[in-house]
Amino acid sequence: MKKLFSALLAGAFCMGSAAAADVAKGEALVKKYNCASCHGADYNKPIDPSYPKLAGQHADYLAHSLRAYKRGAGSNGRINPIMAGQVQPLSNKDMADIGAYLASLPSQLVVSK
């Protein structure tokens, strides 16, 4: 019973933190860190075709990707010197807020079956 209660409490905490993402704060952060300079003003048209389109991506995927850049190569993360530098000052909450903002934007991405 004690383990079940702990699992439920942990689950509630995780869900609460995910739901607490702040779209307005995410918008301020992408402006502060000038994400549009590489990913395009609308986050749909990056300056280089190898850069991802961010608008409309899933918020959890975006936050996970930012955390992976922060971890870097030594910790099963992603390797990109520019992104590694960009994400270092960000907290996990900041990354969730950025993900929420970018996910809320209109997107040119399509899902096909």
N, C-alpha and C. Protein backbone atom coordinates (compact mmCIF):
# COMPACT_ATOMS: atom_id res chain seq x y z
N MET A 1 0.83 -1.19 0.00
CA MET A 1 0.00 0.00 0.00
C MET A 1 0.87 1.25 0.00
N LYS A 2 1.95 1.22 0.76
CA LYS A 2 2.84 2.37 0.84
C LYS A 2 3.48 2.65 -0.52
N LYS A 3 3.86 1.58 -1.25
CA LYS A 3 4.45 1.74 -2.57
C LYS A 3 3.44 2.31 -3.56
N LEU A 4 2.20 1.86 -3.47
CA LEU A 4 1.15 2.36 -4.35
C LEU A 4 0.94 3.85 -4.12
N PHE A 5 0.87 4.24 -2.86
CA PHE A 5 0.69 5.66 -2.53
C PHE A 5 1.86 6.48 -3.06
N SER A 6 3.07 5.99 -2.91
CA SER A 6 4.25 6.71 -3.41
C SER A 6 4.20 6.85 -4.92
N ALA A 7 3.80 5.78 -5.62
CA ALA A 7 3.71 5.83 -7.08
C ALA A 7 2.64 6.83 -7.52
N LEU A 8 1.50 6.82 -6.85
CA LEU A 8 0.44 7.77 -7.20
C LEU A 8 0.86 9.21 -6.95
N LEU A 9 1.54 9.43 -5.85
CA LEU A 9 2.01 10.76 -5.52
C LEU A 9 3.03 11.24 -6.54
N ALA A 10 3.96 10.36 -6.94
CA ALA A 10 4.96 10.72 -7.94
C ALA A 10 4.29 11.01 -9.28
N GLY A 11 3.32 10.21 -9.65
CA GLY A 11 2.60 10.43 -10.90
C GLY A 11 1.86 11.74 -10.90
N ALA A 12 1.22 12.06 -9.80
CA ALA A 12 0.48 13.33 -9.69
C ALA A 12 1.44 14.51 -9.79
N PHE A 13 2.59 14.39 -9.17
CA PHE A 13 3.59 15.45 -9.23
C PHE A 13 4.07 15.66 -10.65
N CYS A 14 4.35 14.59 -11.37
CA CYS A 14 4.82 14.69 -12.76
C CYS A 14 3.75 15.31 -13.64
N MET A 15 2.51 14.89 -13.48
CA MET A 15 1.43 15.43 -14.29
C MET A 15 1.22 16.90 -13.96
N GLY A 16 1.34 17.26 -12.72
CA GLY A 16 1.16 18.64 -12.32
C GLY A 16 2.24 19.54 -12.90
N SER A 17 3.49 19.06 -12.94
CA SER A 17 4.55 19.88 -13.48
C SER A 17 4.41 20.02 -14.99
N ALA A 18 3.94 18.99 -15.67
CA ALA A 18 3.75 19.07 -17.12
C ALA A 18 2.62 20.04 -17.44
N ALA A 19 1.57 20.00 -16.65
CA ALA A 19 0.43 20.87 -16.90
C ALA A 19 0.75 22.33 -16.55
N ALA A 20 1.78 22.54 -15.76
CA ALA A 20 2.11 23.87 -15.30
C ALA A 20 2.99 24.64 -16.28
N ALA A 21 3.24 24.09 -17.48
CA ALA A 21 4.06 24.80 -18.46
C ALA A 21 3.39 26.13 -18.80
N ASP A 22 4.20 27.15 -18.91
CA ASP A 22 3.72 28.51 -19.11
C ASP A 22 4.06 28.97 -20.53
N VAL A 23 3.05 29.03 -21.38
CA VAL A 23 3.24 29.39 -22.79
C VAL A 23 3.83 30.81 -22.91
N ALA A 24 3.33 31.74 -22.11
CA ALA A 24 3.81 33.12 -22.18
C ALA A 24 5.29 33.21 -21.79
N LYS A 25 5.67 32.46 -20.77
CA LYS A 25 7.08 32.47 -20.37
C LYS A 25 7.93 31.82 -21.46
N GLY A 26 7.39 30.76 -22.08
CA GLY A 26 8.11 30.13 -23.19
C GLY A 26 8.34 31.09 -24.34
N GLU A 27 7.32 31.89 -24.65
CA GLU A 27 7.46 32.89 -25.71
C GLU A 27 8.56 33.90 -25.36
N ALA A 28 8.58 34.35 -24.12
CA ALA A 28 9.61 35.30 -23.69
C ALA A 28 11.00 34.67 -23.79
N LEU A 29 11.10 33.40 -23.44
CA LEU A 29 12.41 32.73 -23.49
C LEU A 29 12.91 32.55 -24.92
N VAL A 30 12.05 32.16 -25.86
CA VAL A 30 12.53 31.99 -27.24
C VAL A 30 12.94 33.34 -27.83
N LYS A 31 12.29 34.42 -27.38
CA LYS A 31 12.71 35.75 -27.83
C LYS A 31 14.04 36.13 -27.18
N LYS A 32 14.16 35.87 -25.89
CA LYS A 32 15.39 36.20 -25.17
C LYS A 32 16.60 35.49 -25.76
N TYR A 33 16.45 34.22 -26.11
CA TYR A 33 17.57 33.43 -26.63
C TYR A 33 17.63 33.44 -28.15
N ASN A 34 16.78 34.26 -28.79
CA ASN A 34 16.80 34.50 -30.23
C ASN A 34 16.76 33.20 -31.05
N CYS A 35 15.87 32.31 -30.67
CA CYS A 35 15.72 31.02 -31.37
C CYS A 35 15.36 31.22 -32.84
N ALA A 36 14.66 32.31 -33.15
CA ALA A 36 14.23 32.58 -34.52
C ALA A 36 15.41 32.84 -35.45
N SER A 37 16.55 33.22 -34.90
CA SER A 37 17.69 33.51 -35.78
C SER A 37 18.13 32.27 -36.56
N CYS A 38 17.87 31.09 -36.04
CA CYS A 38 18.20 29.85 -36.76
C CYS A 38 16.96 29.11 -37.25
N HIS A 39 15.90 29.13 -36.44
CA HIS A 39 14.71 28.32 -36.73
C HIS A 39 13.63 29.09 -37.50
N GLY A 40 13.89 30.35 -37.82
CA GLY A 40 12.97 31.15 -38.61
C GLY A 40 11.99 31.92 -37.74
N ALA A 41 11.54 33.05 -38.25
CA ALA A 41 10.67 33.95 -37.49
C ALA A 41 9.39 33.27 -37.03
N ASP A 42 8.86 32.35 -37.84
CA ASP A 42 7.64 31.66 -37.46
C ASP A 42 7.91 30.24 -36.97
N TYR A 43 9.17 29.90 -36.83
CA TYR A 43 9.63 28.57 -36.38
C TYR A 43 9.19 27.45 -37.33
N ASN A 44 8.81 27.82 -38.56
CA ASN A 44 8.44 26.88 -39.62
C ASN A 44 9.44 26.88 -40.77
N LYS A 45 10.28 27.92 -40.85
CA LYS A 45 11.20 28.06 -41.97
C LYS A 45 12.62 28.33 -41.45
N PRO A 46 13.32 27.27 -41.03
CA PRO A 46 14.68 27.46 -40.53
C PRO A 46 15.61 28.02 -41.61
N ILE A 47 16.68 28.68 -41.20
CA ILE A 47 17.61 29.27 -42.16
C ILE A 47 18.43 28.22 -42.89
N ASP A 48 18.51 27.03 -42.36
CA ASP A 48 19.23 25.91 -42.98
C ASP A 48 18.27 24.72 -42.99
N PRO A 49 18.18 24.01 -44.11
CA PRO A 49 17.23 22.90 -44.17
C PRO A 49 17.53 21.76 -43.19
N SER A 50 18.74 21.72 -42.67
CA SER A 50 19.06 20.67 -41.70
C SER A 50 18.57 21.01 -40.28
N TYR A 51 18.17 22.26 -40.06
CA TYR A 51 17.64 22.66 -38.75
C TYR A 51 16.16 22.28 -38.69
N PRO A 52 15.69 21.84 -37.54
CA PRO A 52 14.29 21.40 -37.46
C PRO A 52 13.29 22.55 -37.45
N LYS A 53 12.11 22.25 -37.97
CA LYS A 53 10.96 23.13 -37.80
C LYS A 53 10.43 22.86 -36.39
N LEU A 54 10.22 23.90 -35.63
CA LEU A 54 9.83 23.73 -34.23
C LEU A 54 8.34 23.95 -33.98
N ALA A 55 7.73 24.82 -34.76
CA ALA A 55 6.31 25.14 -34.55
C ALA A 55 5.46 23.89 -34.71
N GLY A 56 4.59 23.67 -33.73
CA GLY A 56 3.65 22.56 -33.79
C GLY A 56 4.20 21.21 -33.36
N GLN A 57 5.48 21.14 -33.03
CA GLN A 57 6.03 19.88 -32.51
C GLN A 57 5.39 19.61 -31.15
N HIS A 58 5.43 18.37 -30.72
CA HIS A 58 4.90 18.02 -29.40
C HIS A 58 5.76 18.67 -28.31
N ALA A 59 5.10 19.26 -27.34
CA ALA A 59 5.80 19.97 -26.26
C ALA A 59 6.78 19.05 -25.52
N ASP A 60 6.36 17.83 -25.22
CA ASP A 60 7.24 16.90 -24.50
C ASP A 60 8.47 16.56 -25.32
N TYR A 61 8.30 16.38 -26.63
CA TYR A 61 9.43 16.08 -27.51
C TYR A 61 10.42 17.24 -27.51
N LEU A 62 9.91 18.46 -27.60
CA LEU A 62 10.79 19.63 -27.62
C LEU A 62 11.57 19.76 -26.31
N ALA A 63 10.88 19.61 -25.19
CA ALA A 63 11.56 19.71 -23.88
C ALA A 63 12.59 18.60 -23.74
N HIS A 64 12.24 17.38 -24.16
CA HIS A 64 13.18 16.26 -24.11
C HIS A 64 14.42 16.56 -24.96
N SER A 65 14.21 17.10 -26.14
CA SER A 65 15.33 17.42 -27.03
C SER A 65 16.25 18.47 -26.41
N LEU A 66 15.66 19.49 -25.80
CA LEU A 66 16.48 20.52 -25.15
C LEU A 66 17.30 19.93 -24.01
N ARG A 67 16.68 19.05 -23.22
CA ARG A 67 17.43 18.39 -22.13
C ARG A 67 18.56 17.54 -22.69
N ALA A 68 18.33 16.88 -23.82
CA ALA A 68 19.36 16.05 -24.44
C ALA A 68 20.54 16.90 -24.91
N TYR A 69 20.26 18.08 -25.47
CA TYR A 69 21.36 18.98 -25.84
C TYR A 69 22.13 19.44 -24.61
N LYS A 70 21.43 19.66 -23.52
CA LYS A 70 22.09 20.10 -22.29
C LYS A 70 22.98 18.99 -21.73
N ARG A 71 22.52 17.73 -21.82
CA ARG A 71 23.34 16.60 -21.34
C ARG A 71 24.59 16.43 -22.19
N GLY A 72 24.47 16.62 -23.48
CA GLY A 72 25.61 16.49 -24.37
C GLY A 72 25.98 15.03 -24.64
N ALA A 73 27.07 14.85 -25.32
CA ALA A 73 27.49 13.53 -25.81
C ALA A 73 27.84 12.57 -24.68
N GLY A 74 28.39 13.05 -23.60
CA GLY A 74 28.86 12.18 -22.53
C GLY A 74 27.77 11.49 -21.74
N SER A 75 26.53 11.92 -21.92
CA SER A 75 25.44 11.38 -21.11
C SER A 75 24.25 10.97 -21.97
N ASN A 76 24.53 10.31 -23.08
CA ASN A 76 23.46 9.85 -23.97
C ASN A 76 22.58 11.00 -24.44
N GLY A 77 23.22 12.12 -24.71
CA GLY A 77 22.49 13.29 -25.16
C GLY A 77 22.72 13.56 -26.63
N ARG A 78 22.47 14.77 -27.05
CA ARG A 78 22.65 15.18 -28.44
C ARG A 78 23.89 16.06 -28.55
N ILE A 79 24.53 15.98 -29.70
CA ILE A 79 25.75 16.74 -29.92
C ILE A 79 25.48 17.85 -30.92
N ASN A 80 25.58 19.08 -30.47
CA ASN A 80 25.49 20.24 -31.32
C ASN A 80 26.04 21.41 -30.50
N PRO A 81 27.23 21.92 -30.88
CA PRO A 81 27.85 22.97 -30.06
C PRO A 81 26.99 24.22 -29.90
N ILE A 82 26.26 24.60 -30.94
CA ILE A 82 25.43 25.81 -30.84
C ILE A 82 24.30 25.58 -29.84
N MET A 83 23.58 24.48 -30.00
CA MET A 83 22.47 24.20 -29.10
C MET A 83 22.95 23.94 -27.67
N ALA A 84 24.09 23.29 -27.54
CA ALA A 84 24.63 23.03 -26.20
C ALA A 84 24.85 24.34 -25.45
N GLY A 85 25.37 25.33 -26.15
CA GLY A 85 25.58 26.64 -25.53
C GLY A 85 24.28 27.36 -25.22
N GLN A 86 23.31 27.21 -26.10
CA GLN A 86 22.03 27.89 -25.92
C GLN A 86 21.26 27.36 -24.70
N VAL A 87 21.31 26.06 -24.46
CA VAL A 87 20.47 25.47 -23.42
C VAL A 87 21.10 25.47 -22.02
N GLN A 88 22.37 25.74 -21.91
CA GLN A 88 23.03 25.65 -20.60
C GLN A 88 22.35 26.48 -19.51
N PRO A 89 21.92 27.71 -19.79
CA PRO A 89 21.29 28.48 -18.70
C PRO A 89 19.84 28.09 -18.41
N LEU A 90 19.25 27.20 -19.21
CA LEU A 90 17.83 26.87 -19.06
C LEU A 90 17.60 25.83 -17.98
N SER A 91 16.57 26.03 -17.19
CA SER A 91 16.13 25.03 -16.21
C SER A 91 15.18 24.06 -16.92
N ASN A 92 14.86 22.96 -16.26
CA ASN A 92 13.87 22.02 -16.82
C ASN A 92 12.52 22.71 -17.03
N LYS A 93 12.15 23.60 -16.12
CA LYS A 93 10.90 24.36 -16.24
C LYS A 93 10.95 25.27 -17.46
N ASP A 94 12.09 25.93 -17.66
CA ASP A 94 12.25 26.78 -18.84
C ASP A 94 12.05 25.96 -20.12
N MET A 95 12.64 24.77 -20.15
CA MET A 95 12.54 23.92 -21.34
C MET A 95 11.10 23.46 -21.57
N ALA A 96 10.38 23.17 -20.50
CA ALA A 96 8.97 22.80 -20.63
C ALA A 96 8.15 23.99 -21.13
N ASP A 97 8.46 25.19 -20.65
CA ASP A 97 7.76 26.39 -21.09
C ASP A 97 8.01 26.66 -22.58
N ILE A 98 9.26 26.50 -23.01
CA ILE A 98 9.60 26.68 -24.42
C ILE A 98 8.85 25.66 -25.26
N GLY A 99 8.84 24.41 -24.81
CA GLY A 99 8.12 23.37 -25.54
C GLY A 99 6.65 23.69 -25.66
N ALA A 100 6.05 24.17 -24.59
CA ALA A 100 4.62 24.51 -24.61
C ALA A 100 4.34 25.64 -25.59
N TYR A 101 5.20 26.64 -25.59
CA TYR A 101 4.99 27.76 -26.51
C TYR A 101 5.11 27.30 -27.96
N LEU A 102 6.19 26.61 -28.29
CA LEU A 102 6.40 26.19 -29.67
C LEU A 102 5.31 25.23 -30.14
N ALA A 103 4.84 24.37 -29.25
CA ALA A 103 3.77 23.43 -29.60
C ALA A 103 2.46 24.16 -29.89
N SER A 104 2.29 25.34 -29.31
CA SER A 104 1.04 26.08 -29.48
C SER A 104 0.97 26.83 -30.82
N LEU A 105 2.08 26.90 -31.53
CA LEU A 105 2.13 27.69 -32.77
C LEU A 105 1.56 26.93 -33.96
N PRO A 106 1.01 27.65 -34.94
CA PRO A 106 0.56 27.01 -36.17
C PRO A 106 1.75 26.36 -36.86
N SER A 107 1.49 25.24 -37.49
CA SER A 107 2.59 24.45 -38.04
C SER A 107 2.33 24.06 -39.48
N GLN A 108 3.41 23.87 -40.20
CA GLN A 108 3.36 23.32 -41.55
C GLN A 108 3.60 21.81 -41.51
N LEU A 109 3.83 21.28 -40.32
CA LEU A 109 4.07 19.85 -40.19
C LEU A 109 2.78 19.09 -40.44
N VAL A 110 2.89 17.93 -41.05
CA VAL A 110 1.72 17.09 -41.29
C VAL A 110 2.00 15.68 -40.81
N VAL A 111 0.95 15.00 -40.42
CA VAL A 111 1.06 13.61 -40.01
C VAL A 111 0.48 12.78 -41.15
N SER A 112 1.24 11.82 -41.60
CA SER A 112 0.72 10.96 -42.67
C SER A 112 0.69 9.52 -42.19
N LYS A 113 -0.20 8.76 -42.78
CA LYS A 113 -0.33 7.36 -42.39
C LYS A 113 0.07 6.48 -43.54
